[in-house]
């Protein structure tokens, strides 16, 4: 099997659809380690992936007014047990343009793998960008994933991002996302991670509602088992008149796991409002007993509750 075929296989194993790589109407980008294995464009989309001395630099531009109809598919991964993947990504969605991305980050055999993503996303006036990413880190816990993203949002723009790690070991995950919103812009950041063993999950998400009528939601759903540790820090700063924000964190802990949530609400305009809620605790006993009464054993019922949290 060549490198592209290997990546297509692990992409499929992680829930992706490798047939899209053969569809001329679907844009895609495939990076294995620090090698660009494939890239395909559609009208109105410019992608410039360059292999550098220590990684890959990718520039993506959605041209003004262009609406990319079908999701752009991206696959990043390291197939061997050891390796370093470093990606610098710069995304510009120009005025009135829109695009969505379906990304899979796969490290199926990882024993000692590091994935570093430094990204900058700039949205023009009325632009829209959605980024859904699903991770699979294998079963060994030997992955270190450090994604850092800065989002600059113009007037009336919309940005949505969702980070999903529903199965397998998390390893070490350190997420750092920061968004600045102009007037009437809206951001939604959602993170869902399942960790066990000695996994360490750190999440920092921040939104600054600079413009009037800007909107922001930060939502985290974390399930922890064994000796796993979860540390969530969500910050929403409201500066603009009539800006609105909400911070929402739920963590389930089992066995010897530990969880911490720090919601920071900072309101600096009398017409702005930010709300928050945080809940940390064990599996809901009533839900557990209801499922067990329907024939599931305790382990099956617990897993169903955890997956419900991560899929909700």
C-alpha atoms as a PDB file:
ATOM      1  CA  UNK A   1       0.000   0.000   0.000  1.00  0.00           C
ATOM      2  CA  UNK A   2       1.408   3.442  -0.888  1.00  0.00           C
ATOM      3  CA  UNK A   3       1.172   6.441   1.479  1.00  0.00           C
ATOM      4  CA  UNK A   4      -2.010   7.815  -0.081  1.00  0.00           C
ATOM      5  CA  UNK A   5      -3.756   4.432   0.136  1.00  0.00           C
ATOM      6  CA  UNK A   6      -2.680   4.120   3.788  1.00  0.00           C
ATOM      7  CA  UNK A   7      -4.091   7.537   4.592  1.00  0.00           C
ATOM      8  CA  UNK A   8      -7.322   6.758   2.734  1.00  0.00           C
ATOM      9  CA  UNK A   9      -7.716   3.596   4.813  1.00  0.00           C
ATOM     10  CA  UNK A  10      -7.188   5.243   8.196  1.00  0.00           C
ATOM     11  CA  UNK A  11      -9.406   8.127   7.040  1.00  0.00           C
ATOM     12  CA  UNK A  12     -12.184   5.608   6.385  1.00  0.00           C
ATOM     13  CA  UNK A  13     -11.548   3.884   9.729  1.00  0.00           C
ATOM     14  CA  UNK A  14     -11.998   7.254  11.452  1.00  0.00           C
ATOM     15  CA  UNK A  15     -15.379   7.793   9.800  1.00  0.00           C
ATOM     16  CA  UNK A  16     -14.323   9.662   6.666  1.00  0.00           C
ATOM     17  CA  UNK A  17     -15.467   8.971   3.132  1.00  0.00           C
ATOM     18  CA  UNK A  18     -12.390   8.220   0.990  1.00  0.00           C
ATOM     19  CA  UNK A  19     -14.472   8.171  -2.199  1.00  0.00           C
ATOM     20  CA  UNK A  20     -14.599  11.990  -2.042  1.00  0.00           C
ATOM     21  CA  UNK A  21     -10.918  12.027  -3.025  1.00  0.00           C
ATOM     22  CA  UNK A  22     -12.010  10.790  -6.472  1.00  0.00           C
ATOM     23  CA  UNK A  23     -14.917  13.236  -6.858  1.00  0.00           C
ATOM     24  CA  UNK A  24     -13.994  16.134  -9.114  1.00  0.00           C
ATOM     25  CA  UNK A  25     -16.715  18.304  -7.545  1.00  0.00           C
ATOM     26  CA  UNK A  26     -15.234  18.016  -4.045  1.00  0.00           C
ATOM     27  CA  UNK A  27     -12.130  19.903  -2.914  1.00  0.00           C
ATOM     28  CA  UNK A  28      -9.701  17.989  -0.735  1.00  0.00           C
ATOM     29  CA  UNK A  29      -6.311  18.143   0.952  1.00  0.00           C
ATOM     30  CA  UNK A  30      -4.375  15.143   2.310  1.00  0.00           C
ATOM     31  CA  UNK A  31      -1.239  15.539   4.438  1.00  0.00           C
ATOM     32  CA  UNK A  32       0.648  12.579   5.919  1.00  0.00           C
ATOM     33  CA  UNK A  33       3.318  13.558   8.389  1.00  0.00           C
ATOM     34  CA  UNK A  34       4.883  16.590   6.739  1.00  0.00           C
ATOM     35  CA  UNK A  35       4.221  15.456   3.161  1.00  0.00           C
ATOM     36  CA  UNK A  36       1.399  16.701   0.948  1.00  0.00           C
ATOM     37  CA  UNK A  37      -0.061  13.584  -0.663  1.00  0.00           C
ATOM     38  CA  UNK A  38      -2.914  15.156  -2.574  1.00  0.00           C
ATOM     39  CA  UNK A  39      -4.844  18.355  -3.202  1.00  0.00           C
ATOM     40  CA  UNK A  40      -7.804  19.139  -5.421  1.00  0.00           C
ATOM     41  CA  UNK A  41      -9.485  22.517  -5.961  1.00  0.00           C
ATOM     42  CA  UNK A  42     -12.890  23.739  -7.104  1.00  0.00           C
ATOM     43  CA  UNK A  43     -13.716  27.118  -8.682  1.00  0.00           C
ATOM     44  CA  UNK A  44     -13.417  30.028  -6.271  1.00  0.00           C
ATOM     45  CA  UNK A  45     -11.089  28.168  -3.921  1.00  0.00           C
ATOM     46  CA  UNK A  46      -7.344  28.685  -3.774  1.00  0.00           C
ATOM     47  CA  UNK A  47      -5.152  26.302  -1.765  1.00  0.00           C
ATOM     48  CA  UNK A  48      -1.372  26.593  -1.607  1.00  0.00           C
ATOM     49  CA  UNK A  49       0.224  23.776   0.451  1.00  0.00           C
ATOM     50  CA  UNK A  50       4.003  24.019   0.736  1.00  0.00           C
ATOM     51  CA  UNK A  51       6.350  21.596   2.403  1.00  0.00           C
ATOM     52  CA  UNK A  52       8.802  23.493   4.601  1.00  0.00           C
ATOM     53  CA  UNK A  53      11.934  22.470   6.456  1.00  0.00           C
ATOM     54  CA  UNK A  54      10.026  21.475   9.590  1.00  0.00           C
ATOM     55  CA  UNK A  55       6.427  20.979   8.439  1.00  0.00           C
ATOM     56  CA  UNK A  56       3.749  22.093   6.004  1.00  0.00           C
ATOM     57  CA  UNK A  57       2.452  25.628   5.418  1.00  0.00           C
ATOM     58  CA  UNK A  58      -1.036  25.866   3.937  1.00  0.00           C
ATOM     59  CA  UNK A  59      -2.772  28.977   2.641  1.00  0.00           C
ATOM     60  CA  UNK A  60      -6.470  28.735   1.818  1.00  0.00           C
ATOM     61  CA  UNK A  61      -8.504  31.520   0.211  1.00  0.00           C
ATOM     62  CA  UNK A  62     -12.211  31.465  -0.605  1.00  0.00           C
ATOM     63  CA  UNK A  63     -12.687  34.228  -3.134  1.00  0.00           C
ATOM     64  CA  UNK A  64     -15.090  37.110  -2.633  1.00  0.00           C
ATOM     65  CA  UNK A  65     -18.759  36.181  -2.974  1.00  0.00           C
ATOM     66  CA  UNK A  66     -18.030  32.514  -3.722  1.00  0.00           C
ATOM     67  CA  UNK A  67     -20.214  29.875  -2.039  1.00  0.00           C
ATOM     68  CA  UNK A  68     -18.475  26.487  -1.950  1.00  0.00           C
ATOM     69  CA  UNK A  69     -21.463  24.159  -2.191  1.00  0.00           C
ATOM     70  CA  UNK A  70     -19.947  20.933  -0.861  1.00  0.00           C
ATOM     71  CA  UNK A  71     -17.673  20.506   2.171  1.00  0.00           C
ATOM     72  CA  UNK A  72     -13.921  20.673   1.644  1.00  0.00           C
ATOM     73  CA  UNK A  73     -12.437  17.402   2.912  1.00  0.00           C
ATOM     74  CA  UNK A  74      -9.136  17.456   4.756  1.00  0.00           C
ATOM     75  CA  UNK A  75      -7.155  14.576   6.206  1.00  0.00           C
ATOM     76  CA  UNK A  76      -4.125  15.072   8.431  1.00  0.00           C
ATOM     77  CA  UNK A  77      -2.311  12.190  10.040  1.00  0.00           C
ATOM     78  CA  UNK A  78       0.718  10.183  11.007  1.00  0.00           C
ATOM     79  CA  UNK A  79       0.473   6.459  10.264  1.00  0.00           C
ATOM     80  CA  UNK A  80       3.735   5.158  11.875  1.00  0.00           C
ATOM     81  CA  UNK A  81       4.101   4.720  15.643  1.00  0.00           C
ATOM     82  CA  UNK A  82       6.371   7.757  15.920  1.00  0.00           C
ATOM     83  CA  UNK A  83       6.485  11.090  14.154  1.00  0.00           C
ATOM     84  CA  UNK A  84       6.037  14.863  14.230  1.00  0.00           C
ATOM     85  CA  UNK A  85       3.459  16.730  12.174  1.00  0.00           C
ATOM     86  CA  UNK A  86       3.612  20.527  12.178  1.00  0.00           C
ATOM     87  CA  UNK A  87       1.082  22.485  10.146  1.00  0.00           C
ATOM     88  CA  UNK A  88       0.862  26.258   9.782  1.00  0.00           C
ATOM     89  CA  UNK A  89      -2.486  27.174   8.260  1.00  0.00           C
ATOM     90  CA  UNK A  90      -3.715  30.557   7.090  1.00  0.00           C
ATOM     91  CA  UNK A  91      -7.353  30.793   5.976  1.00  0.00           C
ATOM     92  CA  UNK A  92      -9.069  33.793   4.395  1.00  0.00           C
ATOM     93  CA  UNK A  93     -12.775  33.758   3.581  1.00  0.00           C
ATOM     94  CA  UNK A  94     -13.356  37.002   1.722  1.00  0.00           C
ATOM     95  CA  UNK A  95     -16.415  39.251   1.833  1.00  0.00           C
ATOM     96  CA  UNK A  96     -19.680  37.416   1.214  1.00  0.00           C
ATOM     97  CA  UNK A  97     -17.993  34.026   0.708  1.00  0.00           C
ATOM     98  CA  UNK A  98     -18.794  30.768   2.482  1.00  0.00           C
ATOM     99  CA  UNK A  99     -17.256  27.330   2.884  1.00  0.00           C
ATOM    100  CA  UNK A 100     -17.349  24.369   5.223  1.00  0.00           C
ATOM    101  CA  UNK A 101     -14.632  21.850   6.028  1.00  0.00           C
ATOM    102  CA  UNK A 102     -14.861  18.223   7.103  1.00  0.00           C
ATOM    103  CA  UNK A 103     -11.481  17.391   8.636  1.00  0.00           C
ATOM    104  CA  UNK A 104     -10.154  14.124  10.069  1.00  0.00           C
ATOM    105  CA  UNK A 105      -6.957  13.932  12.112  1.00  0.00           C
ATOM    106  CA  UNK A 106      -5.811  10.321  12.434  1.00  0.00           C
ATOM    107  CA  UNK A 107      -2.937   8.748  14.373  1.00  0.00           C
ATOM    108  CA  UNK A 108      -4.036   5.097  14.551  1.00  0.00           C
ATOM    109  CA  UNK A 109      -0.754   3.480  15.628  1.00  0.00           C
ATOM    110  CA  UNK A 110       0.680   6.276  17.719  1.00  0.00           C
ATOM    111  CA  UNK A 111       3.139   5.484  20.474  1.00  0.00           C
ATOM    112  CA  UNK A 112       5.095   8.742  20.278  1.00  0.00           C
ATOM    113  CA  UNK A 113       3.425  11.170  17.862  1.00  0.00           C
ATOM    114  CA  UNK A 114       3.148  14.963  18.097  1.00  0.00           C
ATOM    115  CA  UNK A 115       0.701  17.003  16.016  1.00  0.00           C
ATOM    116  CA  UNK A 116       1.054  20.792  16.140  1.00  0.00           C
ATOM    117  CA  UNK A 117      -1.409  23.053  14.330  1.00  0.00           C
ATOM    118  CA  UNK A 118      -0.969  26.840  14.296  1.00  0.00           C
ATOM    119  CA  UNK A 119      -3.847  28.449  12.436  1.00  0.00           C
ATOM    120  CA  UNK A 120      -5.084  31.926  11.612  1.00  0.00           C
ATOM    121  CA  UNK A 121      -8.574  32.396  10.197  1.00  0.00           C
ATOM    122  CA  UNK A 122      -9.749  35.734   8.817  1.00  0.00           C
ATOM    123  CA  UNK A 123     -13.373  36.247   7.819  1.00  0.00           C
ATOM    124  CA  UNK A 124     -14.487  39.189   5.707  1.00  0.00           C
ATOM    125  CA  UNK A 125     -17.781  41.032   5.917  1.00  0.00           C
ATOM    126  CA  UNK A 126     -20.697  38.603   5.727  1.00  0.00           C
ATOM    127  CA  UNK A 127     -18.360  35.608   5.325  1.00  0.00           C
ATOM    128  CA  UNK A 128     -19.158  32.161   6.720  1.00  0.00           C
ATOM    129  CA  UNK A 129     -16.772  29.343   7.638  1.00  0.00           C
ATOM    130  CA  UNK A 130     -17.569  26.039   9.345  1.00  0.00           C
ATOM    131  CA  UNK A 131     -14.842  23.654  10.482  1.00  0.00           C
ATOM    132  CA  UNK A 132     -15.806  20.202  11.749  1.00  0.00           C
ATOM    133  CA  UNK A 133     -12.885  18.031  12.831  1.00  0.00           C
ATOM    134  CA  UNK A 134     -12.936  14.455  14.083  1.00  0.00           C
ATOM    135  CA  UNK A 135      -9.886  12.951  15.764  1.00  0.00           C
ATOM    136  CA  UNK A 136      -8.792   9.360  16.263  1.00  0.00           C
ATOM    137  CA  UNK A 137      -5.636   8.947  18.339  1.00  0.00           C
ATOM    138  CA  UNK A 138      -5.426   5.172  18.513  1.00  0.00           C
ATOM    139  CA  UNK A 139      -5.526   3.045  21.655  1.00  0.00           C
ATOM    140  CA  UNK A 140      -2.051   3.631  23.141  1.00  0.00           C
ATOM    141  CA  UNK A 141      -2.336   7.161  24.479  1.00  0.00           C
ATOM    142  CA  UNK A 142       0.891   8.086  22.726  1.00  0.00           C
ATOM    143  CA  UNK A 143      -0.335  11.245  20.993  1.00  0.00           C
ATOM    144  CA  UNK A 144       0.345  14.877  21.800  1.00  0.00           C
ATOM    145  CA  UNK A 145      -2.040  17.201  19.958  1.00  0.00           C
ATOM    146  CA  UNK A 146      -1.581  20.965  20.272  1.00  0.00           C
ATOM    147  CA  UNK A 147      -3.917  23.014  18.054  1.00  0.00           C
ATOM    148  CA  UNK A 148      -3.812  26.799  18.385  1.00  0.00           C
ATOM    149  CA  UNK A 149      -6.147  29.005  16.352  1.00  0.00           C
ATOM    150  CA  UNK A 150      -6.722  32.752  16.130  1.00  0.00           C
ATOM    151  CA  UNK A 151      -9.966  33.862  14.466  1.00  0.00           C
ATOM    152  CA  UNK A 152     -10.547  37.446  13.269  1.00  0.00           C
ATOM    153  CA  UNK A 153     -14.164  38.047  12.282  1.00  0.00           C
ATOM    154  CA  UNK A 154     -15.537  40.905  10.194  1.00  0.00           C
ATOM    155  CA  UNK A 155     -19.003  42.428  10.377  1.00  0.00           C
ATOM    156  CA  UNK A 156     -21.921  39.999   9.957  1.00  0.00           C
ATOM    157  CA  UNK A 157     -19.565  37.027   9.635  1.00  0.00           C
ATOM    158  CA  UNK A 158     -20.191  33.560  11.089  1.00  0.00           C
ATOM    159  CA  UNK A 159     -17.697  30.977  12.332  1.00  0.00           C
ATOM    160  CA  UNK A 160     -18.481  27.506  13.654  1.00  0.00           C
ATOM    161  CA  UNK A 161     -15.948  24.964  14.857  1.00  0.00           C
ATOM    162  CA  UNK A 162     -16.443  21.545  16.408  1.00  0.00           C
ATOM    163  CA  UNK A 163     -13.653  19.349  17.781  1.00  0.00           C
ATOM    164  CA  UNK A 164     -14.687  15.713  18.252  1.00  0.00           C
ATOM    165  CA  UNK A 165     -12.701  12.895  19.854  1.00  0.00           C
ATOM    166  CA  UNK A 166     -15.395  10.313  20.655  1.00  0.00           C
ATOM    167  CA  UNK A 167     -13.404   7.082  20.913  1.00  0.00           C
ATOM    168  CA  UNK A 168      -9.926   5.726  21.531  1.00  0.00           C
ATOM    169  CA  UNK A 169      -7.390   7.346  23.831  1.00  0.00           C
ATOM    170  CA  UNK A 170      -7.038  11.121  23.849  1.00  0.00           C
ATOM    171  CA  UNK A 171      -3.411  11.126  25.003  1.00  0.00           C
ATOM    172  CA  UNK A 172      -2.328  14.728  25.618  1.00  0.00           C
ATOM    173  CA  UNK A 173      -4.629  17.337  24.097  1.00  0.00           C
ATOM    174  CA  UNK A 174      -4.033  21.068  24.540  1.00  0.00           C
ATOM    175  CA  UNK A 175      -6.562  23.191  22.622  1.00  0.00           C
ATOM    176  CA  UNK A 176      -6.230  26.986  22.445  1.00  0.00           C
ATOM    177  CA  UNK A 177      -8.823  28.882  20.353  1.00  0.00           C
ATOM    178  CA  UNK A 178      -9.299  32.661  20.430  1.00  0.00           C
ATOM    179  CA  UNK A 179     -11.870  34.671  18.443  1.00  0.00           C
ATOM    180  CA  UNK A 180     -12.368  38.431  18.017  1.00  0.00           C
ATOM    181  CA  UNK A 181     -15.736  39.532  16.653  1.00  0.00           C
ATOM    182  CA  UNK A 182     -16.740  42.707  14.872  1.00  0.00           C
ATOM    183  CA  UNK A 183     -20.311  44.022  14.833  1.00  0.00           C
ATOM    184  CA  UNK A 184     -23.131  41.498  14.219  1.00  0.00           C
ATOM    185  CA  UNK A 185     -20.663  38.585  13.940  1.00  0.00           C
ATOM    186  CA  UNK A 186     -21.412  35.193  15.510  1.00  0.00           C
ATOM    187  CA  UNK A 187     -19.051  32.482  16.767  1.00  0.00           C
ATOM    188  CA  UNK A 188     -19.801  28.980  18.038  1.00  0.00           C
ATOM    189  CA  UNK A 189     -17.032  26.771  19.448  1.00  0.00           C
ATOM    190  CA  UNK A 190     -17.878  23.229  20.514  1.00  0.00           C
ATOM    191  CA  UNK A 191     -15.458  20.672  21.953  1.00  0.00           C
ATOM    192  CA  UNK A 192     -16.334  17.038  22.725  1.00  0.00           C
ATOM    193  CA  UNK A 193     -13.627  14.727  24.085  1.00  0.00           C
ATOM    194  CA  UNK A 194     -13.625  11.261  25.628  1.00  0.00           C
ATOM    195  CA  UNK A 195     -10.565  10.475  27.760  1.00  0.00           C
ATOM    196  CA  UNK A 196      -9.407   7.586  29.897  1.00  0.00           C
ATOM    197  CA  UNK A 197      -6.233   5.941  31.208  1.00  0.00           C
ATOM    198  CA  UNK A 198      -3.818   8.752  32.067  1.00  0.00           C
ATOM    199  CA  UNK A 199      -5.056  11.091  29.324  1.00  0.00           C
ATOM    200  CA  UNK A 200      -4.677  14.832  29.922  1.00  0.00           C
ATOM    201  CA  UNK A 201      -7.145  17.175  28.227  1.00  0.00           C
ATOM    202  CA  UNK A 202      -6.660  20.926  28.394  1.00  0.00           C
ATOM    203  CA  UNK A 203      -9.081  23.280  26.683  1.00  0.00           C
ATOM    204  CA  UNK A 204      -8.907  27.047  26.432  1.00  0.00           C
ATOM    205  CA  UNK A 205     -11.525  28.813  24.350  1.00  0.00           C
ATOM    206  CA  UNK A 206     -11.966  32.566  24.328  1.00  0.00           C
ATOM    207  CA  UNK A 207     -14.279  34.974  22.568  1.00  0.00           C
ATOM    208  CA  UNK A 208     -14.066  38.762  22.544  1.00  0.00           C
ATOM    209  CA  UNK A 209     -17.338  40.367  21.481  1.00  0.00           C
ATOM    210  CA  UNK A 210     -15.902  43.661  20.300  1.00  0.00           C
ATOM    211  CA  UNK A 211     -18.673  44.860  18.008  1.00  0.00           C
ATOM    212  CA  UNK A 212     -22.278  45.718  18.758  1.00  0.00           C
ATOM    213  CA  UNK A 213     -24.796  42.883  18.455  1.00  0.00           C
ATOM    214  CA  UNK A 214     -22.016  40.301  18.264  1.00  0.00           C
ATOM    215  CA  UNK A 215     -22.832  36.799  19.540  1.00  0.00           C
ATOM    216  CA  UNK A 216     -20.748  33.967  21.003  1.00  0.00           C
ATOM    217  CA  UNK A 217     -21.219  30.466  22.407  1.00  0.00           C
ATOM    218  CA  UNK A 218     -18.466  28.337  23.968  1.00  0.00           C
ATOM    219  CA  UNK A 219     -19.539  24.760  24.701  1.00  0.00           C
ATOM    220  CA  UNK A 220     -17.467  21.880  26.131  1.00  0.00           C
ATOM    221  CA  UNK A 221     -18.498  18.275  26.746  1.00  0.00           C
ATOM    222  CA  UNK A 222     -15.856  16.070  28.397  1.00  0.00           C
ATOM    223  CA  UNK A 223     -16.067  12.472  29.659  1.00  0.00           C
ATOM    224  CA  UNK A 224     -13.216  11.187  31.842  1.00  0.00           C
ATOM    225  CA  UNK A 225     -12.448   7.720  33.182  1.00  0.00           C
ATOM    226  CA  UNK A 226      -9.550   5.949  34.895  1.00  0.00           C
ATOM    227  CA  UNK A 227      -6.902   8.504  35.899  1.00  0.00           C
ATOM    228  CA  UNK A 228      -7.729  10.978  33.145  1.00  0.00           C
ATOM    229  CA  UNK A 229      -7.657  14.708  33.888  1.00  0.00           C
ATOM    230  CA  UNK A 230      -9.729  17.444  32.265  1.00  0.00           C
ATOM    231  CA  UNK A 231      -8.990  21.159  32.609  1.00  0.00           C
ATOM    232  CA  UNK A 232     -11.378  23.560  30.838  1.00  0.00           C
ATOM    233  CA  UNK A 233     -10.935  27.336  30.751  1.00  0.00           C
ATOM    234  CA  UNK A 234     -13.567  29.252  28.794  1.00  0.00           C
ATOM    235  CA  UNK A 235     -13.564  33.036  28.626  1.00  0.00           C
ATOM    236  CA  UNK A 236     -16.120  35.384  27.092  1.00  0.00           C
ATOM    237  CA  UNK A 237     -15.463  39.132  27.038  1.00  0.00           C
ATOM    238  CA  UNK A 238     -18.304  41.450  26.011  1.00  0.00           C
ATOM    239  CA  UNK A 239     -17.264  44.910  24.871  1.00  0.00           C
ATOM    240  CA  UNK A 240     -19.896  45.844  22.275  1.00  0.00           C
ATOM    241  CA  UNK A 241     -23.347  47.263  22.906  1.00  0.00           C
ATOM    242  CA  UNK A 242     -26.056  44.578  22.892  1.00  0.00           C
ATOM    243  CA  UNK A 243     -23.463  41.828  22.513  1.00  0.00           C
ATOM    244  CA  UNK A 244     -24.520  38.453  23.913  1.00  0.00           C
ATOM    245  CA  UNK A 245     -22.489  35.431  24.997  1.00  0.00           C
ATOM    246  CA  UNK A 246     -22.878  32.089  26.722  1.00  0.00           C
ATOM    247  CA  UNK A 247     -20.350  29.670  28.237  1.00  0.00           C
ATOM    248  CA  UNK A 248     -21.451  26.066  28.817  1.00  0.00           C
ATOM    249  CA  UNK A 249     -19.263  23.269  30.211  1.00  0.00           C
ATOM    250  CA  UNK A 250     -20.298  19.749  31.278  1.00  0.00           C
ATOM    251  CA  UNK A 251     -17.797  17.127  32.471  1.00  0.00           C
ATOM    252  CA  UNK A 252     -18.529  13.574  33.586  1.00  0.00           C
ATOM    253  CA  UNK A 253     -15.943  11.864  35.789  1.00  0.00           C
ATOM    254  CA  UNK A 254     -15.661   8.153  36.564  1.00  0.00           C
ATOM    255  CA  UNK A 255     -13.292   6.081  38.701  1.00  0.00           C
ATOM    256  CA  UNK A 256     -10.233   8.199  39.648  1.00  0.00           C
ATOM    257  CA  UNK A 257     -10.636  10.898  36.990  1.00  0.00           C
ATOM    258  CA  UNK A 258     -10.391  14.587  37.878  1.00  0.00           C
ATOM    259  CA  UNK A 259     -12.032  17.581  36.224  1.00  0.00           C
ATOM    260  CA  UNK A 260     -11.861  21.351  36.556  1.00  0.00           C
ATOM    261  CA  UNK A 261     -13.862  24.027  34.760  1.00  0.00           C
ATOM    262  CA  UNK A 262     -13.186  27.761  34.901  1.00  0.00           C
ATOM    263  CA  UNK A 263     -15.826  29.882  33.148  1.00  0.00           C
ATOM    264  CA  UNK A 264     -14.719  33.516  32.923  1.00  0.00           C
ATOM    265  CA  UNK A 265     -17.384  36.119  32.190  1.00  0.00           C
ATOM    266  CA  UNK A 266     -16.117  39.654  31.586  1.00  0.00           C
ATOM    267  CA  UNK A 267     -18.731  42.286  30.648  1.00  0.00           C
ATOM    268  CA  UNK A 268     -17.610  45.841  29.965  1.00  0.00           C
ATOM    269  CA  UNK A 269     -20.706  47.452  28.434  1.00  0.00           C
ATOM    270  CA  UNK A 270     -23.973  48.108  30.296  1.00  0.00           C
ATOM    271  CA  UNK A 271     -26.024  46.844  27.354  1.00  0.00           C
ATOM    272  CA  UNK A 272     -24.064  43.592  26.948  1.00  0.00           C
ATOM    273  CA  UNK A 273     -24.831  40.264  28.616  1.00  0.00           C
ATOM    274  CA  UNK A 274     -22.933  37.005  29.104  1.00  0.00           C
ATOM    275  CA  UNK A 275     -24.255  33.921  30.911  1.00  0.00           C
ATOM    276  CA  UNK A 276     -22.503  30.736  31.986  1.00  0.00           C
ATOM    277  CA  UNK A 277     -23.164  27.286  33.367  1.00  0.00           C
ATOM    278  CA  UNK A 278     -20.795  24.531  34.441  1.00  0.00           C
ATOM    279  CA  UNK A 279     -21.550  21.043  35.724  1.00  0.00           C
ATOM    280  CA  UNK A 280     -19.069  18.404  36.898  1.00  0.00           C
ATOM    281  CA  UNK A 281     -20.023  15.084  38.407  1.00  0.00           C
ATOM    282  CA  UNK A 282     -20.483  11.382  37.972  1.00  0.00           C
ATOM    283  CA  UNK A 283     -22.866   9.583  35.670  1.00  0.00           C
ATOM    284  CA  UNK A 284     -26.487  10.501  36.382  1.00  0.00           C
ATOM    285  CA  UNK A 285     -27.811   7.677  38.568  1.00  0.00           C
ATOM    286  CA  UNK A 286     -31.404   8.024  37.400  1.00  0.00           C
ATOM    287  CA  UNK A 287     -30.383   7.756  33.747  1.00  0.00           C
ATOM    288  CA  UNK A 288     -28.158   4.798  34.580  1.00  0.00           C
ATOM    289  CA  UNK A 289     -30.895   2.920  36.414  1.00  0.00           C
ATOM    290  CA  UNK A 290     -33.422   3.624  33.650  1.00  0.00           C
ATOM    291  CA  UNK A 291     -31.121   2.140  31.006  1.00  0.00           C
ATOM    292  CA  UNK A 292     -30.258  -0.861  33.182  1.00  0.00           C
ATOM    293  CA  UNK A 293     -33.976  -1.494  33.711  1.00  0.00           C
ATOM    294  CA  UNK A 294     -34.245  -1.793  29.935  1.00  0.00           C
ATOM    295  CA  UNK A 295     -31.735  -4.651  29.855  1.00  0.00           C
ATOM    296  CA  UNK A 296     -28.321  -2.976  29.616  1.00  0.00           C
ATOM    297  CA  UNK A 297     -25.595  -3.842  32.079  1.00  0.00           C
ATOM    298  CA  UNK A 298     -23.908  -1.011  33.997  1.00  0.00           C
ATOM    299  CA  UNK A 299     -20.954  -0.714  31.624  1.00  0.00           C
ATOM    300  CA  UNK A 300     -23.185  -0.588  28.538  1.00  0.00           C
ATOM    301  CA  UNK A 301     -25.516   1.920  30.168  1.00  0.00           C
ATOM    302  CA  UNK A 302     -22.599   4.132  31.206  1.00  0.00           C
ATOM    303  CA  UNK A 303     -21.156   4.081  27.681  1.00  0.00           C
ATOM    304  CA  UNK A 304     -24.531   5.046  26.231  1.00  0.00           C
ATOM    305  CA  UNK A 305     -24.762   8.023  28.587  1.00  0.00           C
ATOM    306  CA  UNK A 306     -21.204   9.110  27.730  1.00  0.00           C
ATOM    307  CA  UNK A 307     -21.827   8.880  23.994  1.00  0.00           C
ATOM    308  CA  UNK A 308     -25.080  10.785  24.441  1.00  0.00           C
ATOM    309  CA  UNK A 309     -23.111  13.569  26.107  1.00  0.00           C
ATOM    310  CA  UNK A 310     -20.513  13.620  23.344  1.00  0.00           C
ATOM    311  CA  UNK A 311     -23.069  13.551  20.534  1.00  0.00           C
ATOM    312  CA  UNK A 312     -25.487  16.064  22.034  1.00  0.00           C
END
